[in-house]
Amino acid sequence: MTSLQLPVLDISLLHGNAVSRQHFLQQLAVAARDIGFFYLIGHGISTGQQQQILQLARQFFALPEPEKQAVSMVNSAHFRGYTQVGGELTQGRVDQREQFDIMREQTALALNSAMPAWQRLIGPNQWPAALPLMQTALLQWQQQLSELSVTLLSAFAEVLQQPATAFANTLQDGAYTHMKLIRYPGTSAVAQQGVGAHKDPGYLTLVLQDQHSGLEVLTDNGWVDAAPLAGAFVVNIGELLELASNGYLKATLHRVVSPPKGIERFSCAFFMAAQLDATVPLLNLPAELAAQAKGPASDPNNPLFYQVGENVLKGRLRSHPDVAQKHYAALTQVV
């Protein structure tokens, strides 16, 4: 581990005068290009709201096992619901965390064999009967983070010397949003995989952490601890931005190490991608940026697709083999 600290960016500067706005964009450009991770403050979401979400996570994971299993993800072809400890894989290895996943609240499509498989991702969430206020709270939180992410994405477009609306047509029918409440149980094992090293598949990710460390970011100087910073979100670039910028911006490997025995770590991760039927635009960068864009990272074990729904479904199938087997067994290839 290295002592390097992730940069801290104040997004309120984006809404100030021309000087402060330019200062934020310059900071964003450096953070996005050099590390791909940063802390975000000045976002206007109160610490009280943040703590309410973390408390909801504690309440949900404290429910009796039968009540959590009643909303198990394996019940949902849309990959919504509860996953028990050991129920998700990263790079083929078991993650030591339990989680509760939601996306946008939608009506499932009437499917037929001619439709692409990714359209099965569209559908309703599952909600625990024992926490009747959870649905309203989490959907409202998801909307707040969606709006914040769209603002950030516009700023990234400006960093790439594009119109602020460069990504608008990939969001016009509603971004694909995905949120997880997560609990990492403590362990006496050394460097236990809370979640293995991976990149996120969307445009942007915002992570709310409790007071316990665990999130680590791979930099040129080794792994860096993204220690909790009160009131801040940890933001990182996903594979879609790497694709859109032809590798000028990079999606960065990160992982979570399990907390020590006797400690529970709670977090909430929010992921925003383009709408599922979109194709990621390959931006026409100016010459000085294009010269530094070396193409997206090539990993034969994790091929990247420009069609968003295809890319999202690929990741879901790899991470949740039980859901894949129950609801997607007819696919000729599970990647």
C-alpha atoms as a PDB file:
ATOM      1  CA  MET A   1       0.000   0.000   0.000  1.00  0.00           C
ATOM      2  CA  THR A   2       1.149   3.536  -0.779  1.00  0.00           C
ATOM      3  CA  SER A   3       0.432   6.707   1.199  1.00  0.00           C
ATOM      4  CA  LEU A   4      -0.751   8.622  -1.883  1.00  0.00           C
ATOM      5  CA  GLN A   5      -4.148  10.282  -1.296  1.00  0.00           C
ATOM      6  CA  LEU A   6      -6.841  10.560  -3.915  1.00  0.00           C
ATOM      7  CA  PRO A   7      -7.578  14.135  -5.047  1.00  0.00           C
ATOM      8  CA  VAL A   8     -10.511  16.009  -3.501  1.00  0.00           C
ATOM      9  CA  LEU A   9     -12.736  17.957  -5.942  1.00  0.00           C
ATOM     10  CA  ASP A  10     -15.388  20.491  -4.932  1.00  0.00           C
ATOM     11  CA  ILE A  11     -18.170  20.382  -7.516  1.00  0.00           C
ATOM     12  CA  SER A  12     -19.740  23.564  -6.138  1.00  0.00           C
ATOM     13  CA  LEU A  13     -16.937  25.380  -8.012  1.00  0.00           C
ATOM     14  CA  LEU A  14     -18.564  24.238 -11.254  1.00  0.00           C
ATOM     15  CA  HIS A  15     -21.526  26.501 -10.483  1.00  0.00           C
ATOM     16  CA  GLY A  16     -19.454  29.549  -9.495  1.00  0.00           C
ATOM     17  CA  ASN A  17     -17.839  32.226 -11.618  1.00  0.00           C
ATOM     18  CA  ALA A  18     -15.796  31.532 -14.734  1.00  0.00           C
ATOM     19  CA  VAL A  19     -12.528  31.303 -12.791  1.00  0.00           C
ATOM     20  CA  SER A  20     -13.798  28.781 -10.232  1.00  0.00           C
ATOM     21  CA  ARG A  21     -15.512  26.757 -12.967  1.00  0.00           C
ATOM     22  CA  GLN A  22     -12.303  26.519 -14.955  1.00  0.00           C
ATOM     23  CA  HIS A  23     -10.398  25.548 -11.809  1.00  0.00           C
ATOM     24  CA  PHE A  24     -12.763  22.624 -11.221  1.00  0.00           C
ATOM     25  CA  LEU A  25     -12.504  21.449 -14.824  1.00  0.00           C
ATOM     26  CA  GLN A  26      -8.704  21.569 -14.663  1.00  0.00           C
ATOM     27  CA  GLN A  27      -8.721  19.535 -11.436  1.00  0.00           C
ATOM     28  CA  LEU A  28     -11.160  17.055 -12.994  1.00  0.00           C
ATOM     29  CA  ALA A  29      -8.960  16.675 -16.059  1.00  0.00           C
ATOM     30  CA  VAL A  30      -5.902  15.826 -13.964  1.00  0.00           C
ATOM     31  CA  ALA A  31      -7.752  13.448 -11.618  1.00  0.00           C
ATOM     32  CA  ALA A  32      -9.485  11.641 -14.481  1.00  0.00           C
ATOM     33  CA  ARG A  33      -6.372  11.282 -16.589  1.00  0.00           C
ATOM     34  CA  ASP A  34      -3.840  10.412 -13.881  1.00  0.00           C
ATOM     35  CA  ILE A  35      -5.844   8.205 -11.500  1.00  0.00           C
ATOM     36  CA  GLY A  36      -9.456   7.831 -12.607  1.00  0.00           C
ATOM     37  CA  PHE A  37     -10.617   8.150  -8.977  1.00  0.00           C
ATOM     38  CA  PHE A  38     -11.317  11.147  -6.746  1.00  0.00           C
ATOM     39  CA  TYR A  39     -13.343  12.345  -3.753  1.00  0.00           C
ATOM     40  CA  LEU A  40     -16.306  14.609  -4.567  1.00  0.00           C
ATOM     41  CA  ILE A  41     -17.468  17.259  -2.091  1.00  0.00           C
ATOM     42  CA  GLY A  42     -19.696  20.323  -2.419  1.00  0.00           C
ATOM     43  CA  HIS A  43     -22.436  18.204  -4.021  1.00  0.00           C
ATOM     44  CA  GLY A  44     -25.279  19.485  -1.845  1.00  0.00           C
ATOM     45  CA  ILE A  45     -26.344  16.086  -0.478  1.00  0.00           C
ATOM     46  CA  SER A  46     -26.333  16.361   3.290  1.00  0.00           C
ATOM     47  CA  THR A  47     -24.463  14.067   5.631  1.00  0.00           C
ATOM     48  CA  GLY A  48     -27.843  13.437   7.266  1.00  0.00           C
ATOM     49  CA  GLN A  49     -29.193  11.974   4.021  1.00  0.00           C
ATOM     50  CA  GLN A  50     -26.038   9.931   3.575  1.00  0.00           C
ATOM     51  CA  GLN A  51     -26.321   8.485   7.060  1.00  0.00           C
ATOM     52  CA  GLN A  52     -29.988   7.617   6.477  1.00  0.00           C
ATOM     53  CA  ILE A  53     -29.002   5.500   3.473  1.00  0.00           C
ATOM     54  CA  LEU A  54     -26.290   3.708   5.435  1.00  0.00           C
ATOM     55  CA  GLN A  55     -28.759   3.129   8.269  1.00  0.00           C
ATOM     56  CA  LEU A  56     -31.210   1.600   5.768  1.00  0.00           C
ATOM     57  CA  ALA A  57     -28.435  -0.757   4.725  1.00  0.00           C
ATOM     58  CA  ARG A  58     -27.842  -1.777   8.339  1.00  0.00           C
ATOM     59  CA  GLN A  59     -31.564  -2.361   8.849  1.00  0.00           C
ATOM     60  CA  PHE A  60     -31.915  -4.459   5.727  1.00  0.00           C
ATOM     61  CA  PHE A  61     -28.925  -6.710   6.403  1.00  0.00           C
ATOM     62  CA  ALA A  62     -30.076  -7.176  10.004  1.00  0.00           C
ATOM     63  CA  LEU A  63     -33.347  -8.746   8.798  1.00  0.00           C
ATOM     64  CA  PRO A  64     -33.831 -12.483   9.430  1.00  0.00           C
ATOM     65  CA  GLU A  65     -32.397 -14.608   6.646  1.00  0.00           C
ATOM     66  CA  PRO A  66     -35.823 -15.821   5.377  1.00  0.00           C
ATOM     67  CA  GLU A  67     -36.950 -12.207   4.860  1.00  0.00           C
ATOM     68  CA  LYS A  68     -33.829 -11.394   2.844  1.00  0.00           C
ATOM     69  CA  GLN A  69     -34.114 -14.597   0.833  1.00  0.00           C
ATOM     70  CA  ALA A  70     -37.726 -13.669  -0.029  1.00  0.00           C
ATOM     71  CA  VAL A  71     -36.237 -10.959  -2.275  1.00  0.00           C
ATOM     72  CA  SER A  72     -33.296 -13.034  -3.509  1.00  0.00           C
ATOM     73  CA  MET A  73     -31.816 -11.941  -6.823  1.00  0.00           C
ATOM     74  CA  VAL A  74     -32.194 -15.439  -8.243  1.00  0.00           C
ATOM     75  CA  ASN A  75     -35.949 -14.712  -8.362  1.00  0.00           C
ATOM     76  CA  SER A  76     -35.336 -11.846 -10.788  1.00  0.00           C
ATOM     77  CA  ALA A  77     -34.349 -12.113 -14.447  1.00  0.00           C
ATOM     78  CA  HIS A  78     -33.574  -8.374 -14.113  1.00  0.00           C
ATOM     79  CA  PHE A  79     -30.761  -8.913 -11.563  1.00  0.00           C
ATOM     80  CA  ARG A  80     -32.594  -7.068  -8.767  1.00  0.00           C
ATOM     81  CA  GLY A  81     -32.641  -8.098  -5.125  1.00  0.00           C
ATOM     82  CA  TYR A  82     -30.584  -9.736  -2.397  1.00  0.00           C
ATOM     83  CA  THR A  83     -27.339 -11.664  -2.783  1.00  0.00           C
ATOM     84  CA  GLN A  84     -25.960 -13.532   0.212  1.00  0.00           C
ATOM     85  CA  VAL A  85     -22.309 -13.637   1.230  1.00  0.00           C
ATOM     86  CA  GLY A  86     -20.401 -15.648  -1.358  1.00  0.00           C
ATOM     87  CA  GLY A  87     -23.151 -15.297  -3.959  1.00  0.00           C
ATOM     88  CA  GLU A  88     -21.263 -13.037  -6.370  1.00  0.00           C
ATOM     89  CA  LEU A  89     -18.055 -13.632  -8.300  1.00  0.00           C
ATOM     90  CA  THR A  90     -15.330 -11.242  -9.467  1.00  0.00           C
ATOM     91  CA  GLN A  91     -12.750 -12.626 -11.900  1.00  0.00           C
ATOM     92  CA  GLY A  92     -14.185 -16.045 -11.127  1.00  0.00           C
ATOM     93  CA  ARG A  93     -13.477 -15.791  -7.386  1.00  0.00           C
ATOM     94  CA  VAL A  94     -16.059 -15.566  -4.617  1.00  0.00           C
ATOM     95  CA  ASP A  95     -16.666 -12.135  -3.033  1.00  0.00           C
ATOM     96  CA  GLN A  96     -17.187 -11.961   0.718  1.00  0.00           C
ATOM     97  CA  ARG A  97     -20.058  -9.499   0.866  1.00  0.00           C
ATOM     98  CA  GLU A  98     -23.828  -9.456   0.872  1.00  0.00           C
ATOM     99  CA  GLN A  99     -25.766  -6.881  -1.072  1.00  0.00           C
ATOM    100  CA  PHE A 100     -29.131  -5.581  -2.202  1.00  0.00           C
ATOM    101  CA  ASP A 101     -29.408  -4.364  -5.815  1.00  0.00           C
ATOM    102  CA  ILE A 102     -31.933  -2.051  -7.428  1.00  0.00           C
ATOM    103  CA  MET A 103     -32.164  -0.319 -10.804  1.00  0.00           C
ATOM    104  CA  ARG A 104     -34.798   2.002 -12.267  1.00  0.00           C
ATOM    105  CA  GLU A 105     -38.334   0.922 -11.412  1.00  0.00           C
ATOM    106  CA  GLN A 106     -39.726  -0.296 -14.747  1.00  0.00           C
ATOM    107  CA  THR A 107     -42.290  -2.673 -16.220  1.00  0.00           C
ATOM    108  CA  ALA A 108     -40.842  -5.851 -17.704  1.00  0.00           C
ATOM    109  CA  LEU A 109     -41.111  -6.144 -21.472  1.00  0.00           C
ATOM    110  CA  ALA A 110     -43.141  -8.821 -23.237  1.00  0.00           C
ATOM    111  CA  LEU A 111     -40.223 -10.786 -24.653  1.00  0.00           C
ATOM    112  CA  ASN A 112     -39.877 -12.845 -27.780  1.00  0.00           C
ATOM    113  CA  SER A 113     -37.021 -14.814 -29.282  1.00  0.00           C
ATOM    114  CA  ALA A 114     -36.175 -12.063 -31.786  1.00  0.00           C
ATOM    115  CA  MET A 115     -35.401  -9.505 -29.058  1.00  0.00           C
ATOM    116  CA  PRO A 116     -31.838  -9.052 -27.787  1.00  0.00           C
ATOM    117  CA  ALA A 117     -31.181 -10.774 -24.476  1.00  0.00           C
ATOM    118  CA  TRP A 118     -30.197  -7.543 -22.727  1.00  0.00           C
ATOM    119  CA  GLN A 119     -33.835  -6.386 -22.837  1.00  0.00           C
ATOM    120  CA  ARG A 120     -34.508  -8.870 -20.024  1.00  0.00           C
ATOM    121  CA  LEU A 121     -32.620  -6.430 -17.760  1.00  0.00           C
ATOM    122  CA  ILE A 122     -35.640  -4.111 -17.907  1.00  0.00           C
ATOM    123  CA  GLY A 123     -38.156  -4.730 -15.132  1.00  0.00           C
ATOM    124  CA  PRO A 124     -39.276  -4.068 -11.562  1.00  0.00           C
ATOM    125  CA  ASN A 125     -37.246  -4.141  -8.377  1.00  0.00           C
ATOM    126  CA  GLN A 126     -37.922  -6.418  -5.418  1.00  0.00           C
ATOM    127  CA  TRP A 127     -38.630  -4.800  -2.043  1.00  0.00           C
ATOM    128  CA  PRO A 128     -38.565  -6.339   1.454  1.00  0.00           C
ATOM    129  CA  ALA A 129     -41.976  -6.376   3.106  1.00  0.00           C
ATOM    130  CA  ALA A 130     -40.453  -5.647   6.526  1.00  0.00           C
ATOM    131  CA  LEU A 131     -39.102  -2.221   5.439  1.00  0.00           C
ATOM    132  CA  PRO A 132     -42.036  -0.424   3.759  1.00  0.00           C
ATOM    133  CA  LEU A 133     -40.244   2.953   3.589  1.00  0.00           C
ATOM    134  CA  MET A 134     -37.213   1.538   1.834  1.00  0.00           C
ATOM    135  CA  GLN A 135     -38.588   1.812  -1.696  1.00  0.00           C
ATOM    136  CA  THR A 136     -39.345   5.535  -1.529  1.00  0.00           C
ATOM    137  CA  ALA A 137     -36.039   6.359   0.174  1.00  0.00           C
ATOM    138  CA  LEU A 138     -33.834   4.411  -2.242  1.00  0.00           C
ATOM    139  CA  LEU A 139     -35.596   5.519  -5.420  1.00  0.00           C
ATOM    140  CA  GLN A 140     -35.332   9.140  -4.296  1.00  0.00           C
ATOM    141  CA  TRP A 141     -31.637   8.632  -3.493  1.00  0.00           C
ATOM    142  CA  GLN A 142     -31.104   7.004  -6.876  1.00  0.00           C
ATOM    143  CA  GLN A 143     -32.679  10.022  -8.588  1.00  0.00           C
ATOM    144  CA  GLN A 144     -30.461  12.457  -6.670  1.00  0.00           C
ATOM    145  CA  LEU A 145     -27.324  10.576  -7.640  1.00  0.00           C
ATOM    146  CA  SER A 146     -28.529  10.301 -11.243  1.00  0.00           C
ATOM    147  CA  GLU A 147     -28.803  14.083 -11.461  1.00  0.00           C
ATOM    148  CA  LEU A 148     -25.373  14.537  -9.866  1.00  0.00           C
ATOM    149  CA  SER A 149     -23.855  12.006 -12.267  1.00  0.00           C
ATOM    150  CA  VAL A 150     -25.350  13.747 -15.317  1.00  0.00           C
ATOM    151  CA  THR A 151     -23.793  17.028 -14.132  1.00  0.00           C
ATOM    152  CA  LEU A 152     -20.433  15.304 -13.754  1.00  0.00           C
ATOM    153  CA  LEU A 153     -20.727  13.653 -17.149  1.00  0.00           C
ATOM    154  CA  SER A 154     -21.297  17.058 -18.764  1.00  0.00           C
ATOM    155  CA  ALA A 155     -18.153  18.298 -17.035  1.00  0.00           C
ATOM    156  CA  PHE A 156     -16.221  15.314 -18.382  1.00  0.00           C
ATOM    157  CA  ALA A 157     -17.422  16.217 -21.881  1.00  0.00           C
ATOM    158  CA  GLU A 158     -15.936  19.691 -21.440  1.00  0.00           C
ATOM    159  CA  VAL A 159     -12.667  18.188 -20.166  1.00  0.00           C
ATOM    160  CA  LEU A 160     -12.538  16.248 -23.441  1.00  0.00           C
ATOM    161  CA  GLN A 161     -13.163  19.554 -25.293  1.00  0.00           C
ATOM    162  CA  GLN A 162     -16.591  18.415 -26.434  1.00  0.00           C
ATOM    163  CA  PRO A 163     -19.950  20.168 -26.127  1.00  0.00           C
ATOM    164  CA  ALA A 164     -21.415  19.725 -22.645  1.00  0.00           C
ATOM    165  CA  THR A 165     -24.265  17.812 -24.319  1.00  0.00           C
ATOM    166  CA  ALA A 166     -21.942  15.277 -25.992  1.00  0.00           C
ATOM    167  CA  PHE A 167     -23.497  12.339 -24.129  1.00  0.00           C
ATOM    168  CA  ALA A 168     -27.070  13.661 -24.000  1.00  0.00           C
ATOM    169  CA  ASN A 169     -28.425  11.483 -26.792  1.00  0.00           C
ATOM    170  CA  THR A 170     -27.276   8.350 -24.907  1.00  0.00           C
ATOM    171  CA  LEU A 171     -29.326   9.438 -21.879  1.00  0.00           C
ATOM    172  CA  GLN A 172     -32.422  10.991 -23.459  1.00  0.00           C
ATOM    173  CA  ASP A 173     -34.682   8.023 -22.649  1.00  0.00           C
ATOM    174  CA  GLY A 174     -33.212   7.554 -19.174  1.00  0.00           C
ATOM    175  CA  ALA A 175     -29.786   6.405 -18.091  1.00  0.00           C
ATOM    176  CA  TYR A 176     -29.237   2.827 -16.991  1.00  0.00           C
ATOM    177  CA  THR A 177     -28.757   3.181 -13.254  1.00  0.00           C
ATOM    178  CA  HIS A 178     -27.753   0.456 -10.829  1.00  0.00           C
ATOM    179  CA  MET A 179     -27.362   0.768  -7.062  1.00  0.00           C
ATOM    180  CA  LYS A 180     -26.146  -1.583  -4.358  1.00  0.00           C
ATOM    181  CA  LEU A 181     -26.430  -1.530  -0.600  1.00  0.00           C
ATOM    182  CA  ILE A 182     -23.443  -3.562   0.589  1.00  0.00           C
ATOM    183  CA  ARG A 183     -22.296  -5.213   3.804  1.00  0.00           C
ATOM    184  CA  TYR A 184     -18.774  -6.603   4.207  1.00  0.00           C
ATOM    185  CA  PRO A 185     -18.509  -8.928   7.232  1.00  0.00           C
ATOM    186  CA  GLY A 186     -15.287  -9.004   9.198  1.00  0.00           C
ATOM    187  CA  THR A 187     -12.845 -11.887   8.923  1.00  0.00           C
ATOM    188  CA  SER A 188      -9.697 -13.118  10.628  1.00  0.00           C
ATOM    189  CA  ALA A 189      -8.210 -14.104   7.249  1.00  0.00           C
ATOM    190  CA  VAL A 190      -5.421 -11.997   5.746  1.00  0.00           C
ATOM    191  CA  ALA A 191      -6.431  -9.823   2.746  1.00  0.00           C
ATOM    192  CA  GLN A 192      -9.780 -11.575   2.263  1.00  0.00           C
ATOM    193  CA  GLN A 193     -11.511 -10.609  -1.001  1.00  0.00           C
ATOM    194  CA  GLY A 194     -14.453  -8.390  -0.096  1.00  0.00           C
ATOM    195  CA  VAL A 195     -14.738  -7.804  -3.821  1.00  0.00           C
ATOM    196  CA  GLY A 196     -11.973  -8.668  -6.257  1.00  0.00           C
ATOM    197  CA  ALA A 197     -10.065  -6.279  -8.513  1.00  0.00           C
ATOM    198  CA  HIS A 198     -12.303  -5.047 -11.330  1.00  0.00           C
ATOM    199  CA  LYS A 199     -13.348  -2.109 -13.470  1.00  0.00           C
ATOM    200  CA  ASP A 200     -16.874  -0.716 -13.503  1.00  0.00           C
ATOM    201  CA  PRO A 201     -18.843  -1.101 -16.740  1.00  0.00           C
ATOM    202  CA  GLY A 202     -20.714   2.226 -16.935  1.00  0.00           C
ATOM    203  CA  TYR A 203     -19.930   5.896 -17.375  1.00  0.00           C
ATOM    204  CA  LEU A 204     -19.445   6.815 -13.707  1.00  0.00           C
ATOM    205  CA  THR A 205     -19.629   5.303 -10.218  1.00  0.00           C
ATOM    206  CA  LEU A 206     -20.331   7.135  -6.947  1.00  0.00           C
ATOM    207  CA  VAL A 207     -19.610   5.311  -3.685  1.00  0.00           C
ATOM    208  CA  LEU A 208     -20.827   6.292  -0.231  1.00  0.00           C
ATOM    209  CA  GLN A 209     -18.741   4.712   2.552  1.00  0.00           C
ATOM    210  CA  ASP A 210     -19.206   4.363   6.285  1.00  0.00           C
ATOM    211  CA  GLN A 211     -16.285   5.080   8.634  1.00  0.00           C
ATOM    212  CA  HIS A 212     -14.314   1.917   7.819  1.00  0.00           C
ATOM    213  CA  SER A 213     -11.635   1.629   5.143  1.00  0.00           C
ATOM    214  CA  GLY A 214     -11.481  -1.183   2.619  1.00  0.00           C
ATOM    215  CA  LEU A 215     -11.777   0.336  -0.869  1.00  0.00           C
ATOM    216  CA  GLU A 216      -8.403   0.297  -2.666  1.00  0.00           C
ATOM    217  CA  VAL A 217      -7.413   1.790  -6.028  1.00  0.00           C
ATOM    218  CA  LEU A 218      -4.615   0.566  -8.301  1.00  0.00           C
ATOM    219  CA  THR A 219      -2.309   3.415  -9.380  1.00  0.00           C
ATOM    220  CA  ASP A 220       1.091   3.594 -11.064  1.00  0.00           C
ATOM    221  CA  ASN A 221       2.541   3.590  -7.540  1.00  0.00           C
ATOM    222  CA  GLY A 222       0.614   0.535  -6.364  1.00  0.00           C
ATOM    223  CA  TRP A 223      -2.597   0.129  -4.366  1.00  0.00           C
ATOM    224  CA  VAL A 224      -3.957   3.272  -2.675  1.00  0.00           C
ATOM    225  CA  ASP A 225      -6.420   3.227   0.226  1.00  0.00           C
ATOM    226  CA  ALA A 226      -9.530   5.276  -0.600  1.00  0.00           C
ATOM    227  CA  ALA A 227     -10.115   5.943   3.098  1.00  0.00           C
ATOM    228  CA  PRO A 228     -13.522   7.365   4.052  1.00  0.00           C
ATOM    229  CA  LEU A 229     -13.765  11.150   3.881  1.00  0.00           C
ATOM    230  CA  ALA A 230     -16.746  12.510   5.793  1.00  0.00           C
ATOM    231  CA  GLY A 231     -19.473  13.840   3.497  1.00  0.00           C
ATOM    232  CA  ALA A 232     -17.643  12.876   0.299  1.00  0.00           C
ATOM    233  CA  PHE A 233     -18.459  10.405  -2.438  1.00  0.00           C
ATOM    234  CA  VAL A 234     -15.681   8.407  -4.054  1.00  0.00           C
ATOM    235  CA  VAL A 235     -16.076   8.801  -7.833  1.00  0.00           C
ATOM    236  CA  ASN A 236     -14.499   6.654 -10.527  1.00  0.00           C
ATOM    237  CA  ILE A 237     -14.563   6.367 -14.299  1.00  0.00           C
ATOM    238  CA  GLY A 238     -16.156   3.323 -15.909  1.00  0.00           C
ATOM    239  CA  GLU A 239     -15.431   1.411 -19.099  1.00  0.00           C
ATOM    240  CA  LEU A 240     -17.958   3.367 -21.189  1.00  0.00           C
ATOM    241  CA  LEU A 241     -16.019   6.614 -20.682  1.00  0.00           C
ATOM    242  CA  GLU A 242     -12.812   4.776 -21.496  1.00  0.00           C
ATOM    243  CA  LEU A 243     -14.412   3.556 -24.727  1.00  0.00           C
ATOM    244  CA  ALA A 244     -15.902   6.953 -25.620  1.00  0.00           C
ATOM    245  CA  SER A 245     -12.544   8.710 -25.168  1.00  0.00           C
ATOM    246  CA  ASN A 246     -10.614   5.957 -27.001  1.00  0.00           C
ATOM    247  CA  GLY A 247      -8.626   5.345 -23.847  1.00  0.00           C
ATOM    248  CA  TYR A 248      -7.759   8.988 -23.083  1.00  0.00           C
ATOM    249  CA  LEU A 249      -9.713   8.491 -19.858  1.00  0.00           C
ATOM    250  CA  LYS A 250      -9.096   5.191 -18.154  1.00  0.00           C
ATOM    251  CA  ALA A 251     -11.289   2.942 -16.087  1.00  0.00           C
ATOM    252  CA  THR A 252      -9.175   2.006 -13.085  1.00  0.00           C
ATOM    253  CA  LEU A 253      -8.907  -1.338 -11.329  1.00  0.00           C
ATOM    254  CA  HIS A 254     -10.133  -1.274  -7.745  1.00  0.00           C
ATOM    255  CA  ARG A 255     -11.008  -3.780  -5.029  1.00  0.00           C
ATOM    256  CA  VAL A 256     -12.356  -4.030  -1.498  1.00  0.00           C
ATOM    257  CA  VAL A 257     -10.470  -5.817   1.268  1.00  0.00           C
ATOM    258  CA  SER A 258     -12.618  -7.350   4.007  1.00  0.00           C
ATOM    259  CA  PRO A 259     -12.597  -5.609   7.382  1.00  0.00           C
ATOM    260  CA  PRO A 260     -10.981  -7.341  10.362  1.00  0.00           C
ATOM    261  CA  LYS A 261     -12.912  -9.755  12.555  1.00  0.00           C
ATOM    262  CA  GLY A 262     -15.552  -8.037  14.662  1.00  0.00           C
ATOM    263  CA  ILE A 263     -16.030  -5.142  12.199  1.00  0.00           C
ATOM    264  CA  GLU A 264     -18.809  -4.742   9.628  1.00  0.00           C
ATOM    265  CA  ARG A 265     -18.336  -2.315   6.737  1.00  0.00           C
ATOM    266  CA  PHE A 266     -21.357  -0.782   4.963  1.00  0.00           C
ATOM    267  CA  SER A 267     -21.423   1.150   1.715  1.00  0.00           C
ATOM    268  CA  CYS A 268     -23.732   2.195  -1.096  1.00  0.00           C
ATOM    269  CA  ALA A 269     -22.452   2.101  -4.678  1.00  0.00           C
ATOM    270  CA  PHE A 270     -24.263   3.892  -7.506  1.00  0.00           C
ATOM    271  CA  PHE A 271     -23.461   3.171 -11.155  1.00  0.00           C
ATOM    272  CA  MET A 272     -24.630   5.215 -14.134  1.00  0.00           C
ATOM    273  CA  ALA A 273     -24.403   4.023 -17.737  1.00  0.00           C
ATOM    274  CA  ALA A 274     -25.989   5.125 -20.979  1.00  0.00           C
ATOM    275  CA  GLN A 275     -29.470   3.848 -21.759  1.00  0.00           C
ATOM    276  CA  LEU A 276     -29.420   0.184 -22.633  1.00  0.00           C
ATOM    277  CA  ASP A 277     -30.309   0.596 -26.309  1.00  0.00           C
ATOM    278  CA  ALA A 278     -27.514   3.122 -26.894  1.00  0.00           C
ATOM    279  CA  THR A 279     -24.195   2.689 -28.626  1.00  0.00           C
ATOM    280  CA  VAL A 280     -21.270   4.409 -26.926  1.00  0.00           C
ATOM    281  CA  PRO A 281     -20.102   7.343 -29.053  1.00  0.00           C
ATOM    282  CA  LEU A 282     -16.443   7.448 -30.058  1.00  0.00           C
ATOM    283  CA  LEU A 283     -15.739  11.140 -29.533  1.00  0.00           C
ATOM    284  CA  ASN A 284     -13.766  13.153 -32.059  1.00  0.00           C
ATOM    285  CA  LEU A 285     -11.053  14.442 -29.735  1.00  0.00           C
ATOM    286  CA  PRO A 286      -8.860  17.419 -30.644  1.00  0.00           C
ATOM    287  CA  ALA A 287      -5.405  16.507 -31.914  1.00  0.00           C
ATOM    288  CA  GLU A 288      -3.532  17.122 -28.657  1.00  0.00           C
ATOM    289  CA  LEU A 289      -5.873  14.807 -26.739  1.00  0.00           C
ATOM    290  CA  ALA A 290      -6.201  12.237 -29.502  1.00  0.00           C
ATOM    291  CA  ALA A 291      -2.412  11.862 -29.549  1.00  0.00           C
ATOM    292  CA  GLN A 292      -2.574  10.704 -25.927  1.00  0.00           C
ATOM    293  CA  ALA A 293      -5.501   8.322 -26.472  1.00  0.00           C
ATOM    294  CA  LYS A 294      -4.017   4.864 -26.961  1.00  0.00           C
ATOM    295  CA  GLY A 295      -7.273   2.972 -27.268  1.00  0.00           C
ATOM    296  CA  PRO A 296      -9.241   1.246 -24.491  1.00  0.00           C
ATOM    297  CA  ALA A 297      -7.464  -1.377 -22.402  1.00  0.00           C
ATOM    298  CA  SER A 298      -7.537  -4.801 -24.017  1.00  0.00           C
ATOM    299  CA  ASP A 299      -8.388  -7.743 -21.776  1.00  0.00           C
ATOM    300  CA  PRO A 300      -9.253 -11.003 -23.587  1.00  0.00           C
ATOM    301  CA  ASN A 301     -11.079 -12.175 -20.454  1.00  0.00           C
ATOM    302  CA  ASN A 302     -13.262  -9.050 -20.405  1.00  0.00           C
ATOM    303  CA  PRO A 303     -14.115  -7.905 -23.932  1.00  0.00           C
ATOM    304  CA  LEU A 304     -15.704  -4.457 -24.133  1.00  0.00           C
ATOM    305  CA  PHE A 305     -18.779  -3.876 -26.291  1.00  0.00           C
ATOM    306  CA  TYR A 306     -19.886  -0.495 -27.621  1.00  0.00           C
ATOM    307  CA  GLN A 307     -23.531  -1.600 -27.432  1.00  0.00           C
ATOM    308  CA  VAL A 308     -24.475  -0.690 -23.853  1.00  0.00           C
ATOM    309  CA  GLY A 309     -27.041  -3.373 -23.097  1.00  0.00           C
ATOM    310  CA  GLU A 310     -24.716  -6.072 -24.360  1.00  0.00           C
ATOM    311  CA  ASN A 311     -21.882  -4.751 -22.195  1.00  0.00           C
ATOM    312  CA  VAL A 312     -24.073  -4.527 -19.074  1.00  0.00           C
ATOM    313  CA  LEU A 313     -25.551  -8.007 -19.509  1.00  0.00           C
ATOM    314  CA  LYS A 314     -22.083  -9.488 -20.008  1.00  0.00           C
ATOM    315  CA  GLY A 315     -21.032  -8.201 -16.593  1.00  0.00           C
ATOM    316  CA  ARG A 316     -24.216  -9.342 -14.860  1.00  0.00           C
ATOM    317  CA  LEU A 317     -23.952 -12.866 -16.237  1.00  0.00           C
ATOM    318  CA  ARG A 318     -20.336 -13.199 -15.145  1.00  0.00           C
ATOM    319  CA  SER A 319     -21.031 -11.898 -11.646  1.00  0.00           C
ATOM    320  CA  HIS A 320     -24.216 -13.856 -10.869  1.00  0.00           C
ATOM    321  CA  PRO A 321     -23.981 -17.376 -12.322  1.00  0.00           C
ATOM    322  CA  ASP A 322     -27.070 -18.545 -10.404  1.00  0.00           C
ATOM    323  CA  VAL A 323     -29.256 -15.905 -12.083  1.00  0.00           C
ATOM    324  CA  ALA A 324     -27.579 -16.663 -15.423  1.00  0.00           C
ATOM    325  CA  GLN A 325     -28.342 -20.371 -15.092  1.00  0.00           C
ATOM    326  CA  LYS A 326     -31.971 -19.870 -14.073  1.00  0.00           C
ATOM    327  CA  HIS A 327     -32.987 -17.105 -16.472  1.00  0.00           C
ATOM    328  CA  TYR A 328     -30.424 -17.085 -19.315  1.00  0.00           C
ATOM    329  CA  ALA A 329     -29.558 -20.752 -19.835  1.00  0.00           C
ATOM    330  CA  ALA A 330     -30.774 -20.603 -23.429  1.00  0.00           C
ATOM    331  CA  LEU A 331     -28.024 -18.157 -24.393  1.00  0.00           C
ATOM    332  CA  THR A 332     -25.488 -19.837 -26.625  1.00  0.00           C
ATOM    333  CA  GLN A 333     -22.589 -18.180 -24.800  1.00  0.00           C
ATOM    334  CA  VAL A 334     -22.224 -16.733 -21.326  1.00  0.00           C
ATOM    335  CA  VAL A 335     -19.265 -14.368 -21.341  1.00  0.00           C
END
